[in-house]
Amino acid sequence: MEKNSGRMDRIVRLVVAIVLLAVALAGFAELITYEIGPITTMIGSAVLAVLGLVLIVTGALRQCVINQVLGINTY
């Protein structure tokens, strides 16, 4: 796959990923708790951690499958 995420896109992805991972870690450490319907803190934290990791990988590689499918190229 060729690069399709530009500099600003990469920075935004990495910043959002850091925030998501920080909230996920706080949830795992039980520093914060939340419940959204049937979603508990642990499930929510796991989802946030996965999203954060995906954003870090796509930001680091500058490749985004969603951008490719939608025909978006910010590179």
Protein backbone atom coordinates (compact mmCIF):
# COMPACT_ATOMS: atom_id res chain seq x y z
CA MET A 1 0.00 0.00 0.00
CA GLU A 2 1.19 3.48 -0.71
CA LYS A 3 1.19 6.30 1.79
CA ASN A 4 -2.10 8.21 1.90
CA SER A 5 -1.93 10.16 5.19
CA GLY A 6 -0.23 13.53 5.26
CA ARG A 7 1.66 15.35 7.98
CA MET A 8 -1.33 16.99 9.70
CA ASP A 9 -3.38 13.78 9.45
CA ARG A 10 -0.50 11.89 11.04
CA ILE A 11 -0.12 14.38 13.90
CA VAL A 12 -3.86 14.36 14.66
CA ARG A 13 -3.94 10.56 14.64
CA LEU A 14 -0.99 10.29 17.01
CA VAL A 15 -2.34 12.93 19.43
CA VAL A 16 -5.80 11.33 19.53
CA ALA A 17 -4.16 7.91 19.99
CA ILE A 18 -2.17 9.13 22.99
CA VAL A 19 -5.32 10.57 24.58
CA LEU A 20 -7.29 7.35 23.97
CA LEU A 21 -4.51 5.21 25.40
CA ALA A 22 -4.22 7.45 28.46
CA VAL A 23 -7.96 7.15 29.14
CA ALA A 24 -7.79 3.40 28.57
CA LEU A 25 -4.90 3.01 30.99
CA ALA A 26 -6.72 5.12 33.59
CA GLY A 27 -9.73 2.86 33.16
CA PHE A 28 -7.66 -0.29 33.54
CA ALA A 29 -6.03 1.16 36.67
CA GLU A 30 -9.52 2.05 37.94
CA LEU A 31 -8.57 5.71 38.30
CA ILE A 32 -11.74 6.52 36.38
CA THR A 33 -14.94 4.54 36.08
CA TYR A 34 -17.80 4.87 33.66
CA GLU A 35 -20.71 2.85 32.40
CA ILE A 36 -22.53 3.49 29.17
CA GLY A 37 -25.45 1.10 29.11
CA PRO A 38 -24.06 -2.44 29.15
CA ILE A 39 -20.49 -1.24 28.49
CA THR A 40 -18.41 -1.37 31.66
CA THR A 41 -15.14 0.41 32.35
CA MET A 42 -13.03 -2.61 31.41
CA ILE A 43 -14.80 -3.22 28.10
CA GLY A 44 -14.71 0.49 27.25
CA SER A 45 -11.03 0.69 28.15
CA ALA A 46 -10.24 -2.30 25.96
CA VAL A 47 -12.07 -0.72 23.02
CA LEU A 48 -10.29 2.60 23.56
CA ALA A 49 -6.92 0.82 23.76
CA VAL A 50 -7.53 -1.01 20.47
CA LEU A 51 -8.63 2.22 18.75
CA GLY A 52 -5.56 3.99 20.11
CA LEU A 53 -3.25 1.26 18.85
CA VAL A 54 -4.88 1.30 15.41
CA LEU A 55 -4.41 5.07 15.21
CA ILE A 56 -0.75 4.76 16.25
CA VAL A 57 -0.09 2.13 13.57
CA THR A 58 -1.88 4.08 10.83
CA GLY A 59 -0.16 7.30 11.90
CA ALA A 60 3.28 5.72 12.03
CA LEU A 61 2.91 3.93 8.69
CA ARG A 62 1.03 6.82 7.03
CA GLN A 63 -1.35 4.28 5.55
CA CYS A 64 -5.06 4.22 6.27
CA VAL A 65 -7.37 1.59 4.80
CA ILE A 66 -10.44 3.79 5.36
CA ASN A 67 -8.79 6.66 3.46
CA GLN A 68 -7.96 4.26 0.64
CA VAL A 69 -11.51 2.88 0.43
CA LEU A 70 -12.97 6.41 0.42
CA GLY A 71 -10.42 7.62 -2.13
CA ILE A 72 -8.94 10.19 0.26
CA ASN A 73 -5.26 11.03 -0.05
CA THR A 74 -3.91 13.68 2.34
CA TYR A 75 -0.29 12.76 1.58
